């Protein structure tokens, strides 16, 4: 398992908090593992809830029609990098 960066750790905590993932610690989320399917097992409803939490915390919206979303939601690391790229200054 890869080590989380501080930004990934913060995002992992937001993910756990916003999705009420009981029994999962932020440090236990592998930043390279898939968030959906075989990884954390998140589904489309979780994606919507997570997108809303990201919007509130980081100040930008993940548009549902954006083709980058599949890549961005691929893993904790990919999502963290996407947020850092698009976060308002």
N, C-alpha and C. Protein backbone atom coordinates (compact mmCIF):
# COMPACT_ATOMS: atom_id res chain seq x y z
N UNK A 1 0.84 -1.18 0.00
CA UNK A 1 0.00 0.00 0.00
C UNK A 1 0.88 1.24 0.00
N UNK A 2 0.55 2.21 -0.83
CA UNK A 2 1.28 3.47 -0.92
C UNK A 2 0.96 4.35 0.29
N UNK A 3 1.87 5.26 0.58
CA UNK A 3 1.66 6.21 1.66
C UNK A 3 0.84 7.38 1.16
N UNK A 4 -0.09 7.84 1.98
CA UNK A 4 -0.93 8.98 1.63
C UNK A 4 -0.19 10.29 1.85
N UNK A 5 -0.40 11.24 0.95
CA UNK A 5 0.10 12.59 1.15
C UNK A 5 -0.85 13.28 2.13
N UNK A 6 -0.47 14.43 2.68
CA UNK A 6 -1.40 15.16 3.57
C UNK A 6 -2.73 15.50 2.88
N UNK A 7 -2.69 15.87 1.60
CA UNK A 7 -3.93 16.19 0.88
C UNK A 7 -4.79 14.94 0.72
N UNK A 8 -4.16 13.80 0.46
CA UNK A 8 -4.90 12.54 0.33
C UNK A 8 -5.50 12.12 1.67
N UNK A 9 -4.76 12.34 2.75
CA UNK A 9 -5.26 12.04 4.09
C UNK A 9 -6.50 12.87 4.39
N UNK A 10 -6.44 14.16 4.08
CA UNK A 10 -7.59 15.05 4.31
C UNK A 10 -8.79 14.59 3.48
N UNK A 11 -8.55 14.24 2.23
CA UNK A 11 -9.63 13.77 1.36
C UNK A 11 -10.20 12.44 1.85
N UNK A 12 -9.35 11.55 2.32
CA UNK A 12 -9.81 10.26 2.87
C UNK A 12 -10.73 10.50 4.07
N UNK A 13 -10.37 11.45 4.92
CA UNK A 13 -11.21 11.77 6.08
C UNK A 13 -12.55 12.35 5.63
N UNK A 14 -12.54 13.20 4.60
CA UNK A 14 -13.78 13.76 4.06
C UNK A 14 -14.65 12.64 3.48
N UNK A 15 -14.03 11.73 2.77
CA UNK A 15 -14.74 10.60 2.18
C UNK A 15 -15.43 9.76 3.26
N UNK A 16 -14.72 9.43 4.30
CA UNK A 16 -15.28 8.62 5.39
C UNK A 16 -16.41 9.37 6.09
N UNK A 17 -16.18 10.65 6.35
CA UNK A 17 -17.19 11.46 7.05
C UNK A 17 -18.45 11.65 6.20
N UNK A 18 -18.28 12.01 4.92
CA UNK A 18 -19.44 12.32 4.09
C UNK A 18 -20.23 11.08 3.70
N UNK A 19 -19.58 9.92 3.64
CA UNK A 19 -20.27 8.69 3.25
C UNK A 19 -20.60 7.79 4.43
N UNK A 20 -20.28 8.26 5.64
CA UNK A 20 -20.54 7.48 6.86
C UNK A 20 -20.00 6.06 6.76
N UNK A 21 -18.73 5.96 6.38
CA UNK A 21 -18.10 4.65 6.25
C UNK A 21 -17.61 4.18 7.61
N UNK A 22 -18.43 3.37 8.26
CA UNK A 22 -18.09 2.88 9.59
C UNK A 22 -17.06 1.75 9.47
N UNK A 23 -16.13 1.75 10.40
CA UNK A 23 -15.12 0.71 10.43
C UNK A 23 -13.99 0.91 9.45
N UNK A 24 -13.94 2.06 8.78
CA UNK A 24 -12.86 2.37 7.85
C UNK A 24 -12.08 3.55 8.40
N UNK A 25 -10.78 3.40 8.53
CA UNK A 25 -9.92 4.50 8.97
C UNK A 25 -9.29 5.15 7.74
N UNK A 26 -9.11 6.46 7.80
CA UNK A 26 -8.54 7.19 6.68
C UNK A 26 -7.20 6.59 6.26
N UNK A 27 -6.39 6.22 7.22
CA UNK A 27 -5.08 5.66 6.93
C UNK A 27 -5.15 4.30 6.24
N UNK A 28 -6.29 3.63 6.35
CA UNK A 28 -6.46 2.31 5.74
C UNK A 28 -6.81 2.36 4.26
N UNK A 29 -7.12 3.55 3.75
CA UNK A 29 -7.50 3.67 2.35
C UNK A 29 -6.23 3.80 1.51
N UNK A 30 -5.99 2.82 0.66
CA UNK A 30 -4.83 2.83 -0.23
C UNK A 30 -5.07 3.90 -1.29
N UNK A 31 -4.19 4.89 -1.40
CA UNK A 31 -4.41 5.97 -2.35
C UNK A 31 -4.42 5.52 -3.81
N UNK A 32 -3.89 4.33 -4.09
CA UNK A 32 -3.85 3.82 -5.46
C UNK A 32 -5.01 2.87 -5.76
N UNK A 33 -5.73 2.43 -4.74
CA UNK A 33 -6.81 1.46 -4.93
C UNK A 33 -8.05 2.12 -5.54
N UNK A 34 -8.81 1.37 -6.33
CA UNK A 34 -10.04 1.94 -6.90
C UNK A 34 -11.03 2.33 -5.80
N UNK A 35 -11.74 3.43 -6.02
CA UNK A 35 -12.77 3.84 -5.06
C UNK A 35 -14.06 3.07 -5.29
N UNK A 36 -14.29 2.67 -6.54
CA UNK A 36 -15.54 2.00 -6.90
C UNK A 36 -15.25 0.54 -7.24
N UNK A 37 -16.29 -0.29 -7.17
CA UNK A 37 -16.13 -1.70 -7.51
C UNK A 37 -15.29 -2.43 -6.49
N UNK A 38 -14.22 -3.04 -6.94
CA UNK A 38 -13.41 -3.91 -6.09
C UNK A 38 -12.67 -3.17 -4.97
N UNK A 39 -12.44 -1.88 -5.12
CA UNK A 39 -11.71 -1.12 -4.10
C UNK A 39 -12.57 -0.92 -2.86
N UNK A 40 -12.99 0.32 -2.62
CA UNK A 40 -13.84 0.63 -1.47
C UNK A 40 -15.28 0.17 -1.68
N UNK A 41 -15.62 -0.15 -2.91
CA UNK A 41 -16.97 -0.62 -3.19
C UNK A 41 -18.01 0.48 -3.24
N UNK A 42 -17.60 1.70 -3.55
CA UNK A 42 -18.55 2.80 -3.64
C UNK A 42 -19.43 2.64 -4.88
N UNK A 43 -20.59 3.31 -4.86
CA UNK A 43 -21.50 3.24 -6.00
C UNK A 43 -21.83 4.66 -6.49
N UNK A 44 -22.75 4.76 -7.44
CA UNK A 44 -23.05 6.06 -8.05
C UNK A 44 -23.66 7.04 -7.04
N UNK A 45 -24.44 6.56 -6.10
CA UNK A 45 -25.00 7.44 -5.06
C UNK A 45 -23.87 8.00 -4.20
N UNK A 46 -22.91 7.15 -3.87
CA UNK A 46 -21.74 7.61 -3.11
C UNK A 46 -20.99 8.69 -3.89
N UNK A 47 -20.89 8.52 -5.21
CA UNK A 47 -20.20 9.50 -6.05
C UNK A 47 -20.89 10.86 -5.96
N UNK A 48 -22.21 10.85 -5.99
CA UNK A 48 -22.97 12.11 -5.88
C UNK A 48 -22.74 12.77 -4.52
N UNK A 49 -22.81 11.98 -3.47
CA UNK A 49 -22.60 12.52 -2.12
C UNK A 49 -21.18 13.05 -1.95
N UNK A 50 -20.22 12.32 -2.49
CA UNK A 50 -18.83 12.75 -2.40
C UNK A 50 -18.60 14.02 -3.20
N UNK A 51 -19.20 14.11 -4.39
CA UNK A 51 -19.07 15.32 -5.21
C UNK A 51 -19.63 16.53 -4.48
N UNK A 52 -20.75 16.36 -3.78
CA UNK A 52 -21.34 17.45 -3.01
C UNK A 52 -20.41 17.87 -1.86
N UNK A 53 -19.85 16.89 -1.17
CA UNK A 53 -18.93 17.20 -0.07
C UNK A 53 -17.68 17.92 -0.58
N UNK A 54 -17.17 17.50 -1.73
CA UNK A 54 -15.99 18.15 -2.33
C UNK A 54 -16.33 19.58 -2.71
N UNK A 55 -17.51 19.78 -3.26
CA UNK A 55 -17.96 21.13 -3.64
C UNK A 55 -17.99 22.05 -2.43
N UNK A 56 -18.54 21.55 -1.33
CA UNK A 56 -18.63 22.36 -0.11
C UNK A 56 -17.26 22.64 0.49
N UNK A 57 -16.39 21.63 0.51
CA UNK A 57 -15.08 21.77 1.16
C UNK A 57 -14.08 22.55 0.32
N UNK A 58 -14.05 22.27 -0.98
CA UNK A 58 -12.99 22.81 -1.82
C UNK A 58 -13.42 23.94 -2.76
N UNK A 59 -14.71 24.24 -2.82
CA UNK A 59 -15.17 25.41 -3.54
C UNK A 59 -15.27 25.30 -5.04
N UNK A 60 -15.41 24.10 -5.57
CA UNK A 60 -15.67 23.95 -7.00
C UNK A 60 -16.53 22.72 -7.20
N UNK A 61 -17.25 22.69 -8.32
CA UNK A 61 -18.17 21.60 -8.58
C UNK A 61 -17.58 20.60 -9.56
N UNK A 62 -17.86 19.34 -9.30
CA UNK A 62 -17.56 18.28 -10.25
C UNK A 62 -18.79 18.12 -11.11
N UNK A 63 -18.71 18.49 -12.35
CA UNK A 63 -19.86 18.45 -13.26
C UNK A 63 -20.13 17.01 -13.69
N UNK A 64 -21.39 16.62 -13.68
CA UNK A 64 -21.75 15.25 -14.03
C UNK A 64 -21.44 14.91 -15.48
N UNK A 65 -21.40 15.92 -16.34
CA UNK A 65 -21.15 15.65 -17.75
C UNK A 65 -19.67 15.76 -18.13
N UNK A 66 -18.81 15.93 -17.14
CA UNK A 66 -17.38 16.05 -17.40
C UNK A 66 -16.77 14.66 -17.62
N UNK A 67 -16.13 14.50 -18.76
CA UNK A 67 -15.56 13.20 -19.10
C UNK A 67 -14.35 12.84 -18.25
N UNK A 68 -13.77 13.80 -17.55
CA UNK A 68 -12.63 13.53 -16.67
C UNK A 68 -13.06 12.82 -15.39
N UNK A 69 -14.34 12.81 -15.08
CA UNK A 69 -14.81 12.26 -13.81
C UNK A 69 -14.42 10.80 -13.61
N UNK A 70 -14.54 9.99 -14.65
CA UNK A 70 -14.20 8.57 -14.49
C UNK A 70 -12.75 8.42 -14.05
N UNK A 71 -11.86 9.19 -14.66
CA UNK A 71 -10.44 9.14 -14.28
C UNK A 71 -10.25 9.75 -12.90
N UNK A 72 -10.90 10.89 -12.65
CA UNK A 72 -10.73 11.59 -11.38
C UNK A 72 -11.19 10.74 -10.20
N UNK A 73 -12.29 10.02 -10.36
CA UNK A 73 -12.80 9.18 -9.29
C UNK A 73 -12.18 7.79 -9.29
N UNK A 74 -11.12 7.61 -10.04
CA UNK A 74 -10.48 6.30 -10.14
C UNK A 74 -9.85 5.82 -8.85
N UNK A 75 -9.26 6.73 -8.11
CA UNK A 75 -8.60 6.38 -6.85
C UNK A 75 -8.51 7.63 -5.99
N UNK A 76 -8.17 7.45 -4.74
CA UNK A 76 -7.99 8.58 -3.83
C UNK A 76 -6.91 9.52 -4.37
N UNK A 77 -5.83 8.96 -4.88
CA UNK A 77 -4.73 9.77 -5.41
C UNK A 77 -5.17 10.58 -6.63
N UNK A 78 -5.91 9.95 -7.54
CA UNK A 78 -6.38 10.65 -8.74
C UNK A 78 -7.36 11.76 -8.37
N UNK A 79 -8.24 11.48 -7.41
CA UNK A 79 -9.22 12.48 -6.99
C UNK A 79 -8.53 13.65 -6.29
N UNK A 80 -7.56 13.37 -5.47
CA UNK A 80 -6.80 14.42 -4.79
C UNK A 80 -6.07 15.31 -5.81
N UNK A 81 -5.47 14.70 -6.81
CA UNK A 81 -4.77 15.47 -7.84
C UNK A 81 -5.76 16.32 -8.64
N UNK A 82 -6.93 15.78 -8.94
CA UNK A 82 -7.95 16.52 -9.67
C UNK A 82 -8.41 17.74 -8.87
N UNK A 83 -8.61 17.56 -7.58
CA UNK A 83 -9.02 18.66 -6.71
C UNK A 83 -7.94 19.75 -6.68
N UNK A 84 -6.70 19.34 -6.53
CA UNK A 84 -5.62 20.32 -6.48
C UNK A 84 -5.51 21.10 -7.78
N UNK A 85 -5.78 20.46 -8.92
CA UNK A 85 -5.74 21.13 -10.22
C UNK A 85 -6.85 22.15 -10.38
N UNK A 86 -8.03 21.85 -9.86
CA UNK A 86 -9.22 22.65 -10.14
C UNK A 86 -9.67 23.54 -8.99
N UNK A 87 -9.01 23.43 -7.86
CA UNK A 87 -9.40 24.23 -6.70
C UNK A 87 -9.11 25.71 -6.97
N UNK A 88 -10.10 26.57 -6.67
CA UNK A 88 -9.86 28.01 -6.86
C UNK A 88 -8.69 28.50 -5.99
N UNK A 89 -7.96 29.44 -6.52
CA UNK A 89 -6.78 29.97 -5.78
C UNK A 89 -7.19 30.82 -4.60
